[in-house]
């Protein structure tokens, strides 16, 4: 490395680990329908003077990157950044970079881990999908998705800002978000939020108006500031004295205790 993929439709793979010199990118993908298989090996940057691990140019659509590690590319924007559409990532570990992953529209990230990056962990733009991924101890949002995106069955923990953040008209389904600055954040409207485990965050929920919220309540005290349907995950105990268990501050709220109890101190 550095190496530029210029053959459309070609499949590239690593045969060993590679470490970049200062200021160099790792792999640049400059054409369409390219597959890059890291074969379990790592692309390692030069730390604070590094470029980016893998870069997809604006002309590189329909590409796939899989099976390896992107580490220590923390001198530039992201360990992996692809400007073309329809990019798929699978089975990657993206660690200790300036930012983890940034993908453009109609892209998909599955079975990946993004951890200890200075900025965001995993980011997709419009119509993106993030499934079965882990985001741990990143310096911004663990998982971030723009309009019309799906975030499903992911785990986000100890990220500085939101564990999971989406914009408009998305779906946030079956995820776990714990010990982040914000557990779940929806900045726009039209998003469906359901069956997520959210607890132990500095603020569990931050929702704009106009979303469909089906919340699985995992701890108290909790304030409900939006129209929503709430079910208890189990019997919940509040240890804080002089504190309400659930405070409802919005119209059109349904709370289903599901046969469980709210226990005070």
C-alpha atoms as a PDB file:
ATOM      1  CA  UNK A   1       0.000   0.000   0.000  1.00  0.00           C
ATOM      2  CA  UNK A   2      -0.923   2.565  -1.104  1.00  0.00           C
ATOM      3  CA  UNK A   3      -2.780   0.742  -3.883  1.00  0.00           C
ATOM      4  CA  UNK A   4      -5.502   1.952  -6.271  1.00  0.00           C
ATOM      5  CA  UNK A   5      -8.142  -0.464  -7.595  1.00  0.00           C
ATOM      6  CA  UNK A   6      -8.856   0.569 -11.196  1.00  0.00           C
ATOM      7  CA  UNK A   7     -10.273  -2.586 -12.821  1.00  0.00           C
ATOM      8  CA  UNK A   8     -14.079  -2.501 -12.858  1.00  0.00           C
ATOM      9  CA  UNK A   9     -15.652  -5.745 -11.673  1.00  0.00           C
ATOM     10  CA  UNK A  10     -12.411  -7.082 -10.220  1.00  0.00           C
ATOM     11  CA  UNK A  11     -11.950  -8.923  -6.934  1.00  0.00           C
ATOM     12  CA  UNK A  12      -8.945  -7.950  -4.822  1.00  0.00           C
ATOM     13  CA  UNK A  13      -7.670  -9.638  -1.686  1.00  0.00           C
ATOM     14  CA  UNK A  14      -4.892  -9.212   0.866  1.00  0.00           C
ATOM     15  CA  UNK A  15      -2.226 -11.852   1.296  1.00  0.00           C
ATOM     16  CA  UNK A  16      -0.723 -10.361   4.481  1.00  0.00           C
ATOM     17  CA  UNK A  17      -0.979  -7.414   6.869  1.00  0.00           C
ATOM     18  CA  UNK A  18      -0.014  -3.988   5.526  1.00  0.00           C
ATOM     19  CA  UNK A  19       1.187  -0.848   7.336  1.00  0.00           C
ATOM     20  CA  UNK A  20       1.211   2.570   5.666  1.00  0.00           C
ATOM     21  CA  UNK A  21       3.924   5.149   5.728  1.00  0.00           C
ATOM     22  CA  UNK A  22       3.153   8.637   7.007  1.00  0.00           C
ATOM     23  CA  UNK A  23       0.588  10.547   4.964  1.00  0.00           C
ATOM     24  CA  UNK A  24      -0.407   7.593   2.799  1.00  0.00           C
ATOM     25  CA  UNK A  25      -3.841   6.083   2.221  1.00  0.00           C
ATOM     26  CA  UNK A  26      -4.185   2.316   2.263  1.00  0.00           C
ATOM     27  CA  UNK A  27      -6.485   1.276  -0.602  1.00  0.00           C
ATOM     28  CA  UNK A  28      -8.258   3.613  -3.034  1.00  0.00           C
ATOM     29  CA  UNK A  29     -11.202   2.204  -4.988  1.00  0.00           C
ATOM     30  CA  UNK A  30     -11.662   4.257  -8.131  1.00  0.00           C
ATOM     31  CA  UNK A  31     -14.123   2.231 -10.216  1.00  0.00           C
ATOM     32  CA  UNK A  32     -17.396   0.267 -10.011  1.00  0.00           C
ATOM     33  CA  UNK A  33     -18.310  -3.303  -8.948  1.00  0.00           C
ATOM     34  CA  UNK A  34     -15.092  -3.870  -7.006  1.00  0.00           C
ATOM     35  CA  UNK A  35     -14.779  -6.403  -4.181  1.00  0.00           C
ATOM     36  CA  UNK A  36     -12.000  -6.123  -1.595  1.00  0.00           C
ATOM     37  CA  UNK A  37     -11.532  -9.069   0.772  1.00  0.00           C
ATOM     38  CA  UNK A  38      -9.029  -8.406   3.548  1.00  0.00           C
ATOM     39  CA  UNK A  39      -8.881 -12.181   4.219  1.00  0.00           C
ATOM     40  CA  UNK A  40      -8.634 -11.582   7.970  1.00  0.00           C
ATOM     41  CA  UNK A  41      -5.596  -9.303   7.662  1.00  0.00           C
ATOM     42  CA  UNK A  42      -5.222  -5.687   8.814  1.00  0.00           C
ATOM     43  CA  UNK A  43      -4.586  -2.362   7.136  1.00  0.00           C
ATOM     44  CA  UNK A  44      -2.728  -0.271   9.708  1.00  0.00           C
ATOM     45  CA  UNK A  45      -2.119   3.460   9.457  1.00  0.00           C
ATOM     46  CA  UNK A  46       0.703   5.558  10.821  1.00  0.00           C
ATOM     47  CA  UNK A  47      -1.306   7.140  13.643  1.00  0.00           C
ATOM     48  CA  UNK A  48      -1.595  10.924  13.743  1.00  0.00           C
ATOM     49  CA  UNK A  49       0.139  11.339  10.370  1.00  0.00           C
ATOM     50  CA  UNK A  50      -1.974   8.723   8.581  1.00  0.00           C
ATOM     51  CA  UNK A  51      -4.263   9.070   5.587  1.00  0.00           C
ATOM     52  CA  UNK A  52      -7.351   6.869   5.335  1.00  0.00           C
ATOM     53  CA  UNK A  53      -7.482   3.097   5.355  1.00  0.00           C
ATOM     54  CA  UNK A  54      -9.902   2.586   2.446  1.00  0.00           C
ATOM     55  CA  UNK A  55     -11.276   5.359   0.238  1.00  0.00           C
ATOM     56  CA  UNK A  56     -14.013   4.912  -2.360  1.00  0.00           C
ATOM     57  CA  UNK A  57     -14.133   7.794  -4.837  1.00  0.00           C
ATOM     58  CA  UNK A  58     -17.331   9.442  -6.083  1.00  0.00           C
ATOM     59  CA  UNK A  59     -17.108   7.291  -9.238  1.00  0.00           C
ATOM     60  CA  UNK A  60     -16.917   4.004  -7.298  1.00  0.00           C
ATOM     61  CA  UNK A  61     -20.407   2.503  -6.892  1.00  0.00           C
ATOM     62  CA  UNK A  62     -21.518  -1.042  -6.036  1.00  0.00           C
ATOM     63  CA  UNK A  63     -18.450  -2.076  -4.076  1.00  0.00           C
ATOM     64  CA  UNK A  64     -17.950  -4.580  -1.264  1.00  0.00           C
ATOM     65  CA  UNK A  65     -15.307  -4.590   1.495  1.00  0.00           C
ATOM     66  CA  UNK A  66     -15.091  -7.470   3.963  1.00  0.00           C
ATOM     67  CA  UNK A  67     -13.236  -9.603   6.494  1.00  0.00           C
ATOM     68  CA  UNK A  68     -10.451  -7.722   8.257  1.00  0.00           C
ATOM     69  CA  UNK A  69      -9.297  -4.797  10.370  1.00  0.00           C
ATOM     70  CA  UNK A  70      -8.775  -1.084   9.726  1.00  0.00           C
ATOM     71  CA  UNK A  71      -6.611   0.309  12.525  1.00  0.00           C
ATOM     72  CA  UNK A  72      -4.831   3.571  13.490  1.00  0.00           C
ATOM     73  CA  UNK A  73      -5.846   5.790  10.574  1.00  0.00           C
ATOM     74  CA  UNK A  74      -6.333   8.777  12.839  1.00  0.00           C
ATOM     75  CA  UNK A  75      -4.757  11.602  10.888  1.00  0.00           C
ATOM     76  CA  UNK A  76      -7.715  12.155   8.529  1.00  0.00           C
ATOM     77  CA  UNK A  77     -11.513  11.823   8.353  1.00  0.00           C
ATOM     78  CA  UNK A  78     -12.441   8.115   8.561  1.00  0.00           C
ATOM     79  CA  UNK A  79     -10.842   4.702   8.517  1.00  0.00           C
ATOM     80  CA  UNK A  80     -13.237   3.818   5.672  1.00  0.00           C
ATOM     81  CA  UNK A  81     -14.943   6.534   3.631  1.00  0.00           C
ATOM     82  CA  UNK A  82     -16.834   5.811   0.406  1.00  0.00           C
ATOM     83  CA  UNK A  83     -18.431   8.609  -1.621  1.00  0.00           C
ATOM     84  CA  UNK A  84     -20.180   6.363  -4.173  1.00  0.00           C
ATOM     85  CA  UNK A  85     -23.552   4.680  -3.612  1.00  0.00           C
ATOM     86  CA  UNK A  86     -24.439   1.021  -2.939  1.00  0.00           C
ATOM     87  CA  UNK A  87     -21.445   0.088  -0.791  1.00  0.00           C
ATOM     88  CA  UNK A  88     -21.502  -3.023   1.388  1.00  0.00           C
ATOM     89  CA  UNK A  89     -19.272  -3.664   4.414  1.00  0.00           C
ATOM     90  CA  UNK A  90     -19.248  -6.996   6.243  1.00  0.00           C
ATOM     91  CA  UNK A  91     -17.144  -8.600   8.957  1.00  0.00           C
ATOM     92  CA  UNK A  92     -14.850  -5.631   9.597  1.00  0.00           C
ATOM     93  CA  UNK A  93     -13.199  -4.287  12.765  1.00  0.00           C
ATOM     94  CA  UNK A  94     -12.602  -0.542  12.531  1.00  0.00           C
ATOM     95  CA  UNK A  95     -10.513   0.567  15.497  1.00  0.00           C
ATOM     96  CA  UNK A  96      -8.684   3.659  16.790  1.00  0.00           C
ATOM     97  CA  UNK A  97      -9.176   5.822  13.705  1.00  0.00           C
ATOM     98  CA  UNK A  98     -10.068   9.497  13.445  1.00  0.00           C
ATOM     99  CA  UNK A  99     -13.574   8.313  12.559  1.00  0.00           C
ATOM    100  CA  UNK A 100     -14.816   4.800  11.924  1.00  0.00           C
ATOM    101  CA  UNK A 101     -16.907   4.466   8.761  1.00  0.00           C
ATOM    102  CA  UNK A 102     -18.716   6.953   6.506  1.00  0.00           C
ATOM    103  CA  UNK A 103     -20.786   5.559   3.613  1.00  0.00           C
ATOM    104  CA  UNK A 104     -22.980   7.292   1.057  1.00  0.00           C
ATOM    105  CA  UNK A 105     -26.583   6.520   0.003  1.00  0.00           C
ATOM    106  CA  UNK A 106     -28.111   3.009  -0.311  1.00  0.00           C
ATOM    107  CA  UNK A 107     -25.229   1.394   1.568  1.00  0.00           C
ATOM    108  CA  UNK A 108     -25.196  -1.481   4.060  1.00  0.00           C
ATOM    109  CA  UNK A 109     -23.024  -2.373   7.069  1.00  0.00           C
ATOM    110  CA  UNK A 110     -23.410  -5.818   8.644  1.00  0.00           C
ATOM    111  CA  UNK A 111     -21.525  -7.733  11.330  1.00  0.00           C
ATOM    112  CA  UNK A 112     -18.953  -4.979  11.871  1.00  0.00           C
ATOM    113  CA  UNK A 113     -17.364  -3.474  15.003  1.00  0.00           C
ATOM    114  CA  UNK A 114     -16.331   0.160  15.288  1.00  0.00           C
ATOM    115  CA  UNK A 115     -14.529   1.040  18.517  1.00  0.00           C
ATOM    116  CA  UNK A 116     -12.246   3.633  20.109  1.00  0.00           C
ATOM    117  CA  UNK A 117     -12.416   6.023  17.175  1.00  0.00           C
ATOM    118  CA  UNK A 118     -11.875   9.720  17.879  1.00  0.00           C
ATOM    119  CA  UNK A 119     -15.103  10.670  16.081  1.00  0.00           C
ATOM    120  CA  UNK A 120     -18.158   8.685  15.016  1.00  0.00           C
ATOM    121  CA  UNK A 121     -18.326   4.911  14.830  1.00  0.00           C
ATOM    122  CA  UNK A 122     -20.577   3.855  11.925  1.00  0.00           C
ATOM    123  CA  UNK A 123     -22.309   6.395   9.667  1.00  0.00           C
ATOM    124  CA  UNK A 124     -24.583   5.786   6.664  1.00  0.00           C
ATOM    125  CA  UNK A 125     -26.393   8.423   4.672  1.00  0.00           C
ATOM    126  CA  UNK A 126     -29.828   8.169   2.999  1.00  0.00           C
ATOM    127  CA  UNK A 127     -31.527   4.749   2.687  1.00  0.00           C
ATOM    128  CA  UNK A 128     -28.657   3.022   4.515  1.00  0.00           C
ATOM    129  CA  UNK A 129     -28.814  -0.180   6.586  1.00  0.00           C
ATOM    130  CA  UNK A 130     -26.786  -1.027   9.700  1.00  0.00           C
ATOM    131  CA  UNK A 131     -27.436  -4.511  11.112  1.00  0.00           C
ATOM    132  CA  UNK A 132     -25.822  -6.765  13.715  1.00  0.00           C
ATOM    133  CA  UNK A 133     -23.033  -4.291  14.453  1.00  0.00           C
ATOM    134  CA  UNK A 134     -21.221  -3.102  17.586  1.00  0.00           C
ATOM    135  CA  UNK A 135     -20.170   0.475  18.338  1.00  0.00           C
ATOM    136  CA  UNK A 136     -18.074   0.917  21.482  1.00  0.00           C
ATOM    137  CA  UNK A 137     -16.328   3.911  23.076  1.00  0.00           C
ATOM    138  CA  UNK A 138     -16.350   6.220  20.064  1.00  0.00           C
ATOM    139  CA  UNK A 139     -15.911   9.960  20.519  1.00  0.00           C
ATOM    140  CA  UNK A 140     -19.198  10.924  18.819  1.00  0.00           C
ATOM    141  CA  UNK A 141     -22.304   8.881  17.918  1.00  0.00           C
ATOM    142  CA  UNK A 142     -21.757   5.152  17.984  1.00  0.00           C
ATOM    143  CA  UNK A 143     -24.196   4.592  15.105  1.00  0.00           C
ATOM    144  CA  UNK A 144     -25.573   7.403  12.959  1.00  0.00           C
ATOM    145  CA  UNK A 145     -27.974   7.141  10.009  1.00  0.00           C
ATOM    146  CA  UNK A 146     -29.560   9.775   7.782  1.00  0.00           C
ATOM    147  CA  UNK A 147     -33.069   9.746   6.258  1.00  0.00           C
ATOM    148  CA  UNK A 148     -34.947   6.511   5.451  1.00  0.00           C
ATOM    149  CA  UNK A 149     -32.363   4.281   7.133  1.00  0.00           C
ATOM    150  CA  UNK A 150     -32.711   1.020   9.067  1.00  0.00           C
ATOM    151  CA  UNK A 151     -30.737   0.279  12.245  1.00  0.00           C
ATOM    152  CA  UNK A 152     -31.506  -3.210  13.551  1.00  0.00           C
ATOM    153  CA  UNK A 153     -30.082  -5.671  16.086  1.00  0.00           C
ATOM    154  CA  UNK A 154     -27.057  -3.518  16.914  1.00  0.00           C
ATOM    155  CA  UNK A 155     -25.272  -2.886  20.206  1.00  0.00           C
ATOM    156  CA  UNK A 156     -23.939   0.519  21.151  1.00  0.00           C
ATOM    157  CA  UNK A 157     -22.093   1.173  24.398  1.00  0.00           C
ATOM    158  CA  UNK A 158     -20.051   3.932  26.042  1.00  0.00           C
ATOM    159  CA  UNK A 159     -20.077   6.362  23.120  1.00  0.00           C
ATOM    160  CA  UNK A 160     -19.590  10.036  23.961  1.00  0.00           C
ATOM    161  CA  UNK A 161     -22.711  11.313  22.192  1.00  0.00           C
ATOM    162  CA  UNK A 162     -25.681   9.179  21.086  1.00  0.00           C
ATOM    163  CA  UNK A 163     -25.461   5.414  21.046  1.00  0.00           C
ATOM    164  CA  UNK A 164     -27.826   5.402  18.053  1.00  0.00           C
ATOM    165  CA  UNK A 165     -28.917   8.520  16.162  1.00  0.00           C
ATOM    166  CA  UNK A 166     -31.215   8.681  13.113  1.00  0.00           C
ATOM    167  CA  UNK A 167     -32.863  11.471  11.136  1.00  0.00           C
ATOM    168  CA  UNK A 168     -36.209  11.223   9.285  1.00  0.00           C
ATOM    169  CA  UNK A 169     -38.423   8.283   8.230  1.00  0.00           C
ATOM    170  CA  UNK A 170     -36.168   5.552   9.557  1.00  0.00           C
ATOM    171  CA  UNK A 171     -36.542   2.348  11.547  1.00  0.00           C
ATOM    172  CA  UNK A 172     -34.731   1.609  14.821  1.00  0.00           C
ATOM    173  CA  UNK A 173     -35.577  -1.964  15.794  1.00  0.00           C
ATOM    174  CA  UNK A 174     -34.313  -4.418  18.396  1.00  0.00           C
ATOM    175  CA  UNK A 175     -31.092  -2.654  19.361  1.00  0.00           C
ATOM    176  CA  UNK A 176     -29.285  -2.309  22.691  1.00  0.00           C
ATOM    177  CA  UNK A 177     -27.902   1.082  23.718  1.00  0.00           C
ATOM    178  CA  UNK A 178     -26.224   1.431  27.114  1.00  0.00           C
ATOM    179  CA  UNK A 179     -23.884   3.809  28.956  1.00  0.00           C
ATOM    180  CA  UNK A 180     -23.770   6.418  26.182  1.00  0.00           C
ATOM    181  CA  UNK A 181     -24.334  10.154  26.377  1.00  0.00           C
ATOM    182  CA  UNK A 182     -27.789   9.598  24.829  1.00  0.00           C
ATOM    183  CA  UNK A 183     -29.277   6.164  24.332  1.00  0.00           C
ATOM    184  CA  UNK A 184     -31.551   6.733  21.316  1.00  0.00           C
ATOM    185  CA  UNK A 185     -31.819   9.985  19.377  1.00  0.00           C
ATOM    186  CA  UNK A 186     -34.250  10.799  16.568  1.00  0.00           C
ATOM    187  CA  UNK A 187     -33.648  14.288  15.209  1.00  0.00           C
ATOM    188  CA  UNK A 188     -36.442  14.291  12.589  1.00  0.00           C
ATOM    189  CA  UNK A 189     -39.919  12.828  12.142  1.00  0.00           C
ATOM    190  CA  UNK A 190     -41.526   9.703  10.690  1.00  0.00           C
ATOM    191  CA  UNK A 191     -39.205   7.155  12.335  1.00  0.00           C
ATOM    192  CA  UNK A 192     -40.441   3.895  13.876  1.00  0.00           C
ATOM    193  CA  UNK A 193     -38.719   3.017  17.166  1.00  0.00           C
ATOM    194  CA  UNK A 194     -39.544  -0.414  18.650  1.00  0.00           C
ATOM    195  CA  UNK A 195     -38.201  -3.187  20.903  1.00  0.00           C
ATOM    196  CA  UNK A 196     -34.943  -1.499  21.872  1.00  0.00           C
ATOM    197  CA  UNK A 197     -33.153  -2.058  25.186  1.00  0.00           C
ATOM    198  CA  UNK A 198     -32.045   1.351  26.446  1.00  0.00           C
ATOM    199  CA  UNK A 199     -30.597   1.872  29.925  1.00  0.00           C
ATOM    200  CA  UNK A 200     -27.753   3.390  31.891  1.00  0.00           C
ATOM    201  CA  UNK A 201     -27.249   6.331  29.536  1.00  0.00           C
ATOM    202  CA  UNK A 202     -26.796   9.890  30.772  1.00  0.00           C
ATOM    203  CA  UNK A 203     -30.075  10.536  28.888  1.00  0.00           C
ATOM    204  CA  UNK A 204     -31.942   7.510  27.585  1.00  0.00           C
ATOM    205  CA  UNK A 205     -34.123   9.184  24.932  1.00  0.00           C
ATOM    206  CA  UNK A 206     -33.978  12.344  22.818  1.00  0.00           C
ATOM    207  CA  UNK A 207     -36.830  12.442  20.291  1.00  0.00           C
ATOM    208  CA  UNK A 208     -38.134  15.168  18.027  1.00  0.00           C
ATOM    209  CA  UNK A 209     -41.892  15.357  17.484  1.00  0.00           C
ATOM    210  CA  UNK A 210     -43.747  13.202  14.975  1.00  0.00           C
ATOM    211  CA  UNK A 211     -42.264   9.732  15.429  1.00  0.00           C
ATOM    212  CA  UNK A 212     -43.858   6.345  16.198  1.00  0.00           C
ATOM    213  CA  UNK A 213     -42.419   5.347  19.553  1.00  0.00           C
ATOM    214  CA  UNK A 214     -42.907   1.879  21.015  1.00  0.00           C
ATOM    215  CA  UNK A 215     -40.595   1.973  23.999  1.00  0.00           C
ATOM    216  CA  UNK A 216     -39.415  -0.969  26.087  1.00  0.00           C
ATOM    217  CA  UNK A 217     -38.843   0.657  29.479  1.00  0.00           C
ATOM    218  CA  UNK A 218     -35.791  -0.894  31.134  1.00  0.00           C
ATOM    219  CA  UNK A 219     -35.213   1.421  34.103  1.00  0.00           C
ATOM    220  CA  UNK A 220     -36.780   4.155  36.184  1.00  0.00           C
ATOM    221  CA  UNK A 221     -36.968   7.070  36.819  1.00  0.00           C
ATOM    222  CA  UNK A 222     -37.954   7.980  33.259  1.00  0.00           C
ATOM    223  CA  UNK A 223     -39.779  10.935  31.721  1.00  0.00           C
ATOM    224  CA  UNK A 224     -42.090  10.480  28.734  1.00  0.00           C
ATOM    225  CA  UNK A 225     -42.156  13.744  26.800  1.00  0.00           C
ATOM    226  CA  UNK A 226     -43.693  12.498  23.526  1.00  0.00           C
ATOM    227  CA  UNK A 227     -46.774  10.554  22.403  1.00  0.00           C
ATOM    228  CA  UNK A 228     -45.695   6.937  22.795  1.00  0.00           C
ATOM    229  CA  UNK A 229     -46.589   3.395  23.758  1.00  0.00           C
ATOM    230  CA  UNK A 230     -44.542   2.005  26.639  1.00  0.00           C
ATOM    231  CA  UNK A 231     -44.138  -1.546  27.943  1.00  0.00           C
ATOM    232  CA  UNK A 232     -42.103  -2.541  30.965  1.00  0.00           C
ATOM    233  CA  UNK A 233     -39.209  -4.896  30.318  1.00  0.00           C
ATOM    234  CA  UNK A 234     -39.772  -6.374  33.783  1.00  0.00           C
ATOM    235  CA  UNK A 235     -40.299  -5.271  37.357  1.00  0.00           C
ATOM    236  CA  UNK A 236     -38.488  -1.948  37.783  1.00  0.00           C
ATOM    237  CA  UNK A 237     -37.126  -0.511  41.028  1.00  0.00           C
ATOM    238  CA  UNK A 238     -36.300   3.127  41.708  1.00  0.00           C
ATOM    239  CA  UNK A 239     -33.695   3.659  44.442  1.00  0.00           C
ATOM    240  CA  UNK A 240     -33.842   7.467  44.378  1.00  0.00           C
ATOM    241  CA  UNK A 241     -35.877   9.026  47.157  1.00  0.00           C
ATOM    242  CA  UNK A 242     -38.394  11.801  46.404  1.00  0.00           C
ATOM    243  CA  UNK A 243     -38.348  10.835  42.706  1.00  0.00           C
ATOM    244  CA  UNK A 244     -41.247   9.800  40.480  1.00  0.00           C
ATOM    245  CA  UNK A 245     -40.978   6.454  38.741  1.00  0.00           C
ATOM    246  CA  UNK A 246     -42.541   7.505  35.425  1.00  0.00           C
ATOM    247  CA  UNK A 247     -43.405  11.103  34.633  1.00  0.00           C
ATOM    248  CA  UNK A 248     -45.790  11.635  31.699  1.00  0.00           C
ATOM    249  CA  UNK A 249     -45.454  15.077  30.121  1.00  0.00           C
ATOM    250  CA  UNK A 250     -47.250  14.536  26.790  1.00  0.00           C
ATOM    251  CA  UNK A 251     -50.678  13.629  25.454  1.00  0.00           C
ATOM    252  CA  UNK A 252     -51.505  10.249  23.923  1.00  0.00           C
ATOM    253  CA  UNK A 253     -49.282   8.051  26.061  1.00  0.00           C
ATOM    254  CA  UNK A 254     -50.061   4.388  26.802  1.00  0.00           C
ATOM    255  CA  UNK A 255     -48.226   2.498  29.557  1.00  0.00           C
ATOM    256  CA  UNK A 256     -48.558  -1.278  29.784  1.00  0.00           C
ATOM    257  CA  UNK A 257     -47.099  -2.667  33.000  1.00  0.00           C
ATOM    258  CA  UNK A 258     -47.349  -6.141  31.478  1.00  0.00           C
ATOM    259  CA  UNK A 259     -48.038  -7.731  34.856  1.00  0.00           C
ATOM    260  CA  UNK A 260     -44.841  -6.236  36.313  1.00  0.00           C
ATOM    261  CA  UNK A 261     -44.386  -3.816  39.214  1.00  0.00           C
ATOM    262  CA  UNK A 262     -42.936  -0.379  39.759  1.00  0.00           C
ATOM    263  CA  UNK A 263     -41.175  -0.498  43.128  1.00  0.00           C
ATOM    264  CA  UNK A 264     -40.141   2.611  45.006  1.00  0.00           C
ATOM    265  CA  UNK A 265     -37.420   3.112  47.613  1.00  0.00           C
END
